[in-house]
Amino acid sequence: MALRRSLVSGTWASLCSSAVVSWLSHRRAAAVPAGTNATSQWVWGRQAHRKDGWSLRHTLVGYVIHHASSLFWASSFERLRKGRRDVAPVLALAAATTAVAYVVDYKVVPRRLTPGFETRLRPADLCVVYAAFGLGLALPWILSRRRMSGTVAKRR
């Protein structure tokens, strides 16, 4: 059950943050895949920062790395969230998980293991990317809670 919850929230976090990275990459670099390509620096080194076009080598590898990282952080979020049902604590846990992810991504790991999209985006853009990530962590829980309350309301 915890694994399934982590897969769902991690996938939502990955999709939400990737959509924002892509949108901002389009605005900043005029290339939708630029930020995602930069994440492939884990495998291809700094040359990944200069890749603008879609490719299996950079775009797919960059997305897979980002998605795997999202699943990692989602597993921590879901372990902490277990049993919490109120919206405020769940959102606070998502925000805290996201803040820790940011600190680890930019203050703890070696430069080559950072997300990479910071090389294609502005520093302020990272706040938007990480906010989308945090929202993505909490979104499946919030949506399922709304669905459940709608079902309860219909039964009355």
N, C-alpha and C. Protein backbone atom coordinates (compact mmCIF):
# COMPACT_ATOMS: atom_id res chain seq x y z
N MET A 1 0.82 -1.19 0.00
CA MET A 1 0.00 0.00 0.00
C MET A 1 0.87 1.27 0.00
N ALA A 2 1.90 1.31 0.85
CA ALA A 2 2.79 2.49 0.89
C ALA A 2 3.55 2.62 -0.42
N LEU A 3 3.94 1.51 -1.01
CA LEU A 3 4.64 1.55 -2.29
C LEU A 3 3.72 2.13 -3.38
N ARG A 4 2.47 1.69 -3.39
CA ARG A 4 1.52 2.20 -4.38
C ARG A 4 1.28 3.69 -4.19
N ARG A 5 1.13 4.12 -2.94
CA ARG A 5 0.94 5.55 -2.67
C ARG A 5 2.16 6.35 -3.12
N SER A 6 3.36 5.82 -2.89
CA SER A 6 4.59 6.49 -3.32
C SER A 6 4.68 6.58 -4.84
N LEU A 7 4.28 5.52 -5.52
CA LEU A 7 4.29 5.54 -6.98
C LEU A 7 3.33 6.59 -7.53
N VAL A 8 2.17 6.71 -6.90
CA VAL A 8 1.17 7.68 -7.37
C VAL A 8 1.62 9.10 -7.08
N SER A 9 1.98 9.38 -5.83
CA SER A 9 2.36 10.76 -5.50
C SER A 9 3.68 11.15 -6.18
N GLY A 10 4.60 10.22 -6.30
CA GLY A 10 5.86 10.51 -6.99
C GLY A 10 5.66 10.79 -8.47
N THR A 11 4.74 10.05 -9.08
CA THR A 11 4.45 10.28 -10.50
C THR A 11 3.79 11.65 -10.68
N TRP A 12 2.84 11.99 -9.82
CA TRP A 12 2.21 13.31 -9.91
C TRP A 12 3.24 14.41 -9.69
N ALA A 13 4.12 14.25 -8.72
CA ALA A 13 5.14 15.26 -8.45
C ALA A 13 6.07 15.41 -9.66
N SER A 14 6.45 14.29 -10.25
CA SER A 14 7.31 14.31 -11.42
C SER A 14 6.64 15.00 -12.60
N LEU A 15 5.39 14.65 -12.86
CA LEU A 15 4.66 15.23 -13.99
C LEU A 15 4.43 16.73 -13.80
N CYS A 16 4.01 17.12 -12.60
CA CYS A 16 3.76 18.55 -12.34
C CYS A 16 5.04 19.37 -12.48
N SER A 17 6.10 18.91 -11.84
CA SER A 17 7.35 19.68 -11.90
C SER A 17 7.96 19.64 -13.30
N SER A 18 7.84 18.52 -14.00
CA SER A 18 8.36 18.44 -15.37
C SER A 18 7.60 19.36 -16.31
N ALA A 19 6.30 19.47 -16.11
CA ALA A 19 5.50 20.39 -16.94
C ALA A 19 5.97 21.82 -16.73
N VAL A 20 6.24 22.18 -15.48
CA VAL A 20 6.72 23.54 -15.19
C VAL A 20 8.12 23.75 -15.75
N VAL A 21 9.00 22.77 -15.59
CA VAL A 21 10.36 22.87 -16.16
C VAL A 21 10.27 23.05 -17.67
N SER A 22 9.41 22.30 -18.32
CA SER A 22 9.26 22.40 -19.77
C SER A 22 8.73 23.77 -20.19
N TRP A 23 7.72 24.24 -19.49
CA TRP A 23 7.14 25.55 -19.79
C TRP A 23 8.18 26.66 -19.60
N LEU A 24 8.91 26.60 -18.48
CA LEU A 24 9.93 27.61 -18.22
C LEU A 24 11.11 27.48 -19.19
N SER A 25 11.45 26.27 -19.57
CA SER A 25 12.51 26.07 -20.56
C SER A 25 12.12 26.71 -21.89
N HIS A 26 10.87 26.56 -22.25
CA HIS A 26 10.38 27.19 -23.48
C HIS A 26 10.50 28.71 -23.39
N ARG A 27 10.14 29.26 -22.23
CA ARG A 27 10.21 30.72 -22.05
C ARG A 27 11.64 31.23 -21.98
N ARG A 28 12.52 30.51 -21.31
CA ARG A 28 13.89 30.99 -21.08
C ARG A 28 14.86 30.62 -22.20
N ALA A 29 14.70 29.42 -22.74
CA ALA A 29 15.67 28.93 -23.73
C ALA A 29 15.04 28.69 -25.10
N ALA A 30 13.75 28.98 -25.23
CA ALA A 30 13.01 28.73 -26.47
C ALA A 30 13.12 27.26 -26.90
N ALA A 31 13.25 26.38 -25.92
CA ALA A 31 13.36 24.95 -26.19
C ALA A 31 12.71 24.17 -25.05
N VAL A 32 11.55 23.59 -25.31
CA VAL A 32 10.80 22.87 -24.28
C VAL A 32 11.65 21.83 -23.55
N PRO A 33 12.42 20.99 -24.24
CA PRO A 33 13.15 19.94 -23.51
C PRO A 33 14.46 20.38 -22.85
N ALA A 34 14.85 21.64 -22.97
CA ALA A 34 16.17 22.07 -22.49
C ALA A 34 16.42 21.73 -21.01
N GLY A 35 15.47 22.04 -20.14
CA GLY A 35 15.66 21.76 -18.71
C GLY A 35 15.72 20.28 -18.41
N THR A 36 14.86 19.52 -19.04
CA THR A 36 14.87 18.06 -18.85
C THR A 36 16.16 17.46 -19.41
N ASN A 37 16.59 17.96 -20.56
CA ASN A 37 17.86 17.48 -21.13
C ASN A 37 19.02 17.71 -20.16
N ALA A 38 19.00 18.86 -19.49
CA ALA A 38 20.10 19.20 -18.58
C ALA A 38 20.21 18.20 -17.42
N THR A 39 19.09 17.59 -17.04
CA THR A 39 19.11 16.60 -15.96
C THR A 39 19.91 15.37 -16.36
N SER A 40 20.04 15.13 -17.64
CA SER A 40 20.82 13.97 -18.09
C SER A 40 22.31 14.15 -17.83
N GLN A 41 22.70 15.28 -17.22
CA GLN A 41 24.10 15.50 -16.83
C GLN A 41 24.60 14.38 -15.92
N TRP A 42 23.68 13.72 -15.22
CA TRP A 42 24.07 12.60 -14.37
C TRP A 42 24.81 11.56 -15.19
N VAL A 43 24.39 11.38 -16.43
CA VAL A 43 24.98 10.36 -17.30
C VAL A 43 25.97 10.98 -18.28
N TRP A 44 25.60 12.10 -18.91
CA TRP A 44 26.36 12.65 -20.02
C TRP A 44 27.25 13.84 -19.67
N GLY A 45 27.24 14.28 -18.43
CA GLY A 45 28.10 15.39 -18.03
C GLY A 45 27.57 16.75 -18.50
N ARG A 46 28.44 17.74 -18.45
CA ARG A 46 28.05 19.13 -18.74
C ARG A 46 27.53 19.37 -20.15
N GLN A 47 27.91 18.55 -21.09
CA GLN A 47 27.41 18.76 -22.45
C GLN A 47 25.89 18.68 -22.50
N ALA A 48 25.26 18.03 -21.54
CA ALA A 48 23.80 17.94 -21.48
C ALA A 48 23.16 19.32 -21.30
N HIS A 49 23.89 20.27 -20.71
CA HIS A 49 23.35 21.62 -20.46
C HIS A 49 23.12 22.38 -21.75
N ARG A 50 23.75 21.99 -22.82
CA ARG A 50 23.66 22.72 -24.08
C ARG A 50 22.69 22.09 -25.08
N LYS A 51 22.05 21.02 -24.71
CA LYS A 51 21.16 20.30 -25.63
C LYS A 51 19.76 20.88 -25.57
N ASP A 52 19.28 21.34 -26.71
CA ASP A 52 17.96 21.97 -26.78
C ASP A 52 16.88 21.06 -27.35
N GLY A 53 17.22 20.18 -28.27
CA GLY A 53 16.21 19.39 -28.97
C GLY A 53 15.80 18.14 -28.22
N TRP A 54 14.70 17.56 -28.69
CA TRP A 54 14.20 16.30 -28.15
C TRP A 54 15.14 15.18 -28.55
N SER A 55 15.46 14.29 -27.60
CA SER A 55 16.27 13.12 -27.94
C SER A 55 16.10 12.06 -26.88
N LEU A 56 16.26 10.82 -27.30
CA LEU A 56 16.22 9.72 -26.33
C LEU A 56 17.40 9.84 -25.37
N ARG A 57 18.54 10.20 -25.94
CA ARG A 57 19.78 10.28 -25.17
C ARG A 57 19.68 11.30 -24.02
N HIS A 58 19.09 12.45 -24.27
CA HIS A 58 19.05 13.48 -23.24
C HIS A 58 17.67 13.67 -22.61
N THR A 59 16.63 13.77 -23.42
CA THR A 59 15.31 14.04 -22.88
C THR A 59 14.78 12.84 -22.10
N LEU A 60 14.83 11.67 -22.69
CA LEU A 60 14.33 10.48 -22.00
C LEU A 60 15.16 10.18 -20.76
N VAL A 61 16.47 10.20 -20.89
CA VAL A 61 17.34 9.92 -19.74
C VAL A 61 17.11 10.96 -18.65
N GLY A 62 17.00 12.23 -19.02
CA GLY A 62 16.75 13.28 -18.04
C GLY A 62 15.44 13.09 -17.33
N TYR A 63 14.39 12.73 -18.08
CA TYR A 63 13.09 12.52 -17.44
C TYR A 63 13.13 11.30 -16.53
N VAL A 64 13.75 10.23 -16.95
CA VAL A 64 13.82 9.02 -16.11
C VAL A 64 14.54 9.33 -14.80
N ILE A 65 15.62 10.08 -14.87
CA ILE A 65 16.35 10.47 -13.65
C ILE A 65 15.45 11.31 -12.75
N HIS A 66 14.77 12.30 -13.33
CA HIS A 66 13.88 13.15 -12.55
C HIS A 66 12.74 12.34 -11.93
N HIS A 67 12.17 11.44 -12.70
CA HIS A 67 11.06 10.62 -12.21
C HIS A 67 11.53 9.71 -11.05
N ALA A 68 12.68 9.09 -11.20
CA ALA A 68 13.21 8.24 -10.14
C ALA A 68 13.46 9.05 -8.87
N SER A 69 13.98 10.26 -9.02
CA SER A 69 14.20 11.13 -7.86
C SER A 69 12.87 11.50 -7.21
N SER A 70 11.87 11.75 -8.02
CA SER A 70 10.54 12.09 -7.50
C SER A 70 9.96 10.92 -6.70
N LEU A 71 10.16 9.71 -7.19
CA LEU A 71 9.67 8.53 -6.46
C LEU A 71 10.40 8.38 -5.13
N PHE A 72 11.69 8.66 -5.13
CA PHE A 72 12.46 8.61 -3.89
C PHE A 72 11.88 9.57 -2.85
N TRP A 73 11.66 10.83 -3.24
CA TRP A 73 11.13 11.82 -2.30
C TRP A 73 9.69 11.51 -1.92
N ALA A 74 8.93 10.94 -2.83
CA ALA A 74 7.54 10.57 -2.53
C ALA A 74 7.49 9.47 -1.47
N SER A 75 8.45 8.57 -1.49
CA SER A 75 8.45 7.51 -0.48
C SER A 75 8.65 8.09 0.92
N SER A 76 9.49 9.10 1.04
CA SER A 76 9.65 9.77 2.34
C SER A 76 8.38 10.50 2.74
N PHE A 77 7.79 11.23 1.78
CA PHE A 77 6.55 11.95 2.04
C PHE A 77 5.45 10.99 2.49
N GLU A 78 5.29 9.88 1.80
CA GLU A 78 4.21 8.94 2.13
C GLU A 78 4.43 8.26 3.48
N ARG A 79 5.67 8.00 3.84
CA ARG A 79 5.93 7.43 5.18
C ARG A 79 5.53 8.42 6.26
N LEU A 80 5.82 9.69 6.05
CA LEU A 80 5.46 10.72 7.03
C LEU A 80 3.96 11.01 7.03
N ARG A 81 3.33 10.94 5.88
CA ARG A 81 1.91 11.27 5.74
C ARG A 81 1.00 10.22 6.34
N LYS A 82 1.42 9.00 6.39
CA LYS A 82 0.58 7.89 6.81
C LYS A 82 -0.22 8.24 8.07
N GLY A 83 -1.53 8.08 7.96
CA GLY A 83 -2.41 8.33 9.09
C GLY A 83 -2.90 9.77 9.21
N ARG A 84 -2.26 10.68 8.51
CA ARG A 84 -2.70 12.07 8.57
C ARG A 84 -3.82 12.28 7.56
N ARG A 85 -4.91 12.90 8.03
CA ARG A 85 -6.08 13.06 7.18
C ARG A 85 -6.47 14.51 6.93
N ASP A 86 -5.98 15.43 7.72
CA ASP A 86 -6.34 16.83 7.54
C ASP A 86 -5.47 17.46 6.46
N VAL A 87 -6.08 18.36 5.70
CA VAL A 87 -5.40 18.96 4.56
C VAL A 87 -4.16 19.75 4.98
N ALA A 88 -4.26 20.57 6.00
CA ALA A 88 -3.13 21.42 6.41
C ALA A 88 -1.88 20.61 6.75
N PRO A 89 -1.97 19.57 7.57
CA PRO A 89 -0.76 18.79 7.85
C PRO A 89 -0.19 18.09 6.62
N VAL A 90 -1.03 17.63 5.72
CA VAL A 90 -0.55 16.97 4.51
C VAL A 90 0.18 17.97 3.62
N LEU A 91 -0.40 19.16 3.46
CA LEU A 91 0.28 20.20 2.67
C LEU A 91 1.59 20.62 3.33
N ALA A 92 1.59 20.70 4.66
CA ALA A 92 2.82 21.05 5.37
C ALA A 92 3.90 19.99 5.17
N LEU A 93 3.50 18.72 5.20
CA LEU A 93 4.47 17.63 4.95
C LEU A 93 5.00 17.67 3.52
N ALA A 94 4.12 17.98 2.57
CA ALA A 94 4.57 18.09 1.18
C ALA A 94 5.56 19.25 1.04
N ALA A 95 5.26 20.37 1.69
CA ALA A 95 6.17 21.53 1.64
C ALA A 95 7.50 21.20 2.32
N ALA A 96 7.45 20.53 3.46
CA ALA A 96 8.68 20.17 4.17
C ALA A 96 9.52 19.19 3.35
N THR A 97 8.87 18.20 2.76
CA THR A 97 9.58 17.23 1.91
C THR A 97 10.25 17.94 0.74
N THR A 98 9.51 18.88 0.15
CA THR A 98 10.05 19.63 -0.99
C THR A 98 11.23 20.50 -0.56
N ALA A 99 11.13 21.13 0.59
CA ALA A 99 12.24 21.96 1.09
C ALA A 99 13.49 21.12 1.33
N VAL A 100 13.31 19.96 1.93
CA VAL A 100 14.45 19.06 2.16
C VAL A 100 15.03 18.60 0.83
N ALA A 101 14.17 18.29 -0.13
CA ALA A 101 14.65 17.88 -1.46
C ALA A 101 15.49 19.00 -2.08
N TYR A 102 15.04 20.23 -1.97
CA TYR A 102 15.79 21.36 -2.52
C TYR A 102 17.17 21.48 -1.85
N VAL A 103 17.20 21.41 -0.53
CA VAL A 103 18.47 21.52 0.19
C VAL A 103 19.42 20.40 -0.21
N VAL A 104 18.91 19.19 -0.28
CA VAL A 104 19.76 18.06 -0.68
C VAL A 104 20.23 18.26 -2.13
N ASP A 105 19.30 18.66 -3.01
CA ASP A 105 19.65 18.84 -4.42
C ASP A 105 20.72 19.90 -4.65
N TYR A 106 20.71 20.97 -3.86
CA TYR A 106 21.60 22.09 -4.16
C TYR A 106 22.66 22.39 -3.10
N LYS A 107 22.59 21.75 -1.95
CA LYS A 107 23.57 22.03 -0.90
C LYS A 107 24.34 20.79 -0.45
N VAL A 108 23.82 19.59 -0.74
CA VAL A 108 24.43 18.37 -0.22
C VAL A 108 25.12 17.55 -1.30
N VAL A 109 24.43 17.27 -2.38
CA VAL A 109 24.99 16.39 -3.41
C VAL A 109 26.03 17.12 -4.26
N PRO A 110 26.92 16.38 -4.89
CA PRO A 110 27.88 17.01 -5.81
C PRO A 110 27.14 17.69 -6.97
N ARG A 111 27.76 18.70 -7.55
CA ARG A 111 27.14 19.48 -8.62
C ARG A 111 26.60 18.62 -9.75
N ARG A 112 27.32 17.57 -10.10
CA ARG A 112 26.87 16.72 -11.21
C ARG A 112 25.56 15.99 -10.87
N LEU A 113 25.23 15.85 -9.61
CA LEU A 113 24.01 15.15 -9.21
C LEU A 113 22.87 16.10 -8.86
N THR A 114 23.05 17.39 -9.15
CA THR A 114 21.92 18.33 -8.99
C THR A 114 20.92 18.03 -10.11
N PRO A 115 19.71 18.57 -10.02
CA PRO A 115 18.73 18.31 -11.08
C PRO A 115 19.20 18.77 -12.46
N GLY A 116 20.05 19.76 -12.55
CA GLY A 116 20.57 20.19 -13.85
C GLY A 116 19.76 21.29 -14.50
N PHE A 117 18.44 21.29 -14.28
CA PHE A 117 17.64 22.31 -14.96
C PHE A 117 17.93 23.71 -14.47
N GLU A 118 18.63 23.85 -13.36
CA GLU A 118 19.04 25.18 -12.88
C GLU A 118 20.01 25.85 -13.84
N THR A 119 20.65 25.05 -14.69
CA THR A 119 21.56 25.63 -15.68
C THR A 119 20.81 26.28 -16.84
N ARG A 120 19.53 25.96 -17.01
CA ARG A 120 18.73 26.50 -18.11
C ARG A 120 17.64 27.46 -17.63
N LEU A 121 17.45 27.55 -16.32
CA LEU A 121 16.39 28.38 -15.76
C LEU A 121 16.99 29.45 -14.87
N ARG A 122 16.18 30.43 -14.52
CA ARG A 122 16.60 31.47 -13.58
C ARG A 122 16.44 30.95 -12.15
N PRO A 123 17.21 31.49 -11.22
CA PRO A 123 17.09 31.04 -9.82
C PRO A 123 15.65 31.14 -9.28
N ALA A 124 14.95 32.21 -9.61
CA ALA A 124 13.57 32.35 -9.12
C ALA A 124 12.65 31.28 -9.70
N ASP A 125 12.98 30.78 -10.89
CA ASP A 125 12.17 29.73 -11.51
C ASP A 125 12.18 28.45 -10.68
N LEU A 126 13.27 28.22 -9.96
CA LEU A 126 13.36 27.00 -9.17
C LEU A 126 12.29 26.96 -8.09
N CYS A 127 11.91 28.13 -7.57
CA CYS A 127 10.82 28.18 -6.58
C CYS A 127 9.53 27.66 -7.18
N VAL A 128 9.26 28.04 -8.42
CA VAL A 128 8.04 27.60 -9.10
C VAL A 128 8.10 26.10 -9.37
N VAL A 129 9.26 25.62 -9.79
CA VAL A 129 9.43 24.19 -10.08
C VAL A 129 9.21 23.37 -8.80
N TYR A 130 9.84 23.79 -7.71
CA TYR A 130 9.71 23.04 -6.47
C TYR A 130 8.31 23.17 -5.87
N ALA A 131 7.64 24.30 -6.07
CA ALA A 131 6.25 24.44 -5.62
C ALA A 131 5.36 23.45 -6.38
N ALA A 132 5.59 23.32 -7.68
CA ALA A 132 4.83 22.36 -8.48
C ALA A 132 5.11 20.93 -8.01
N PHE A 133 6.34 20.66 -7.65
CA PHE A 133 6.70 19.35 -7.13
C PHE A 133 5.93 19.06 -5.84
N GLY A 134 5.94 20.02 -4.92
CA GLY A 134 5.23 19.83 -3.65
C GLY A 134 3.73 19.65 -3.85
N LEU A 135 3.16 20.44 -4.74
CA LEU A 135 1.74 20.30 -5.05
C LEU A 135 1.48 18.92 -5.62
N GLY A 136 2.35 18.46 -6.50
CA GLY A 136 2.20 17.13 -7.08
C GLY A 136 2.24 16.02 -6.03
N LEU A 137 3.07 16.18 -5.00
CA LEU A 137 3.11 15.18 -3.93
C LEU A 137 1.76 15.07 -3.23
N ALA A 138 1.15 16.21 -2.93
CA ALA A 138 -0.09 16.23 -2.16
C ALA A 138 -1.34 16.04 -3.02
N LEU A 139 -1.25 16.35 -4.29
CA LEU A 139 -2.44 16.37 -5.15
C LEU A 139 -3.23 15.06 -5.19
N PRO A 140 -2.62 13.90 -5.33
CA PRO A 140 -3.43 12.68 -5.37
C PRO A 140 -4.22 12.46 -4.08
N TRP A 141 -3.61 12.79 -2.96
CA TRP A 141 -4.29 12.63 -1.68
C TRP A 141 -5.47 13.61 -1.59
N ILE A 142 -5.25 14.86 -2.00
CA ILE A 142 -6.31 15.87 -1.95
C ILE A 142 -7.45 15.47 -2.89
N LEU A 143 -7.12 15.03 -4.10
CA LEU A 143 -8.17 14.62 -5.04
C LEU A 143 -8.95 13.41 -4.54
N SER A 144 -8.27 12.45 -3.96
CA SER A 144 -8.98 11.26 -3.45
C SER A 144 -9.84 11.64 -2.25
N ARG A 145 -9.39 12.55 -1.46
CA ARG A 145 -10.18 13.02 -0.31
C ARG A 145 -11.45 13.73 -0.79
N ARG A 146 -11.32 14.55 -1.82
CA ARG A 146 -12.49 15.25 -2.37
C ARG A 146 -13.46 14.25 -2.98
N ARG A 147 -12.93 13.25 -3.66
CA ARG A 147 -13.77 12.22 -4.26
C ARG A 147 -14.54 11.46 -3.18
N MET A 148 -13.83 11.14 -2.10
CA MET A 148 -14.47 10.40 -1.00
C MET A 148 -15.53 11.26 -0.33
N SER A 149 -15.28 12.54 -0.11
CA SER A 149 -16.29 13.38 0.53
C SER A 149 -17.48 13.60 -0.38
N GLY A 150 -17.28 13.61 -1.69
CA GLY A 150 -18.39 13.71 -2.63
C GLY A 150 -19.25 12.47 -2.59
N THR A 151 -18.61 11.30 -2.44
CA THR A 151 -19.34 10.05 -2.35
C THR A 151 -20.15 10.00 -1.06
N VAL A 152 -19.57 10.45 0.05
CA VAL A 152 -20.27 10.45 1.34
C VAL A 152 -21.46 11.40 1.27
N ALA A 153 -21.26 12.57 0.66
CA ALA A 153 -22.34 13.56 0.55
C ALA A 153 -23.50 13.02 -0.28
N LYS A 154 -23.21 12.26 -1.33
CA LYS A 154 -24.27 11.70 -2.18
C LYS A 154 -25.08 10.65 -1.44
N ARG A 155 -24.46 9.94 -0.53
CA ARG A 155 -25.14 8.87 0.22
C ARG A 155 -26.13 9.47 1.22
N ARG A 156 -25.92 10.66 1.64
CA ARG A 156 -26.79 11.25 2.69
C ARG A 156 -28.06 11.67 2.12
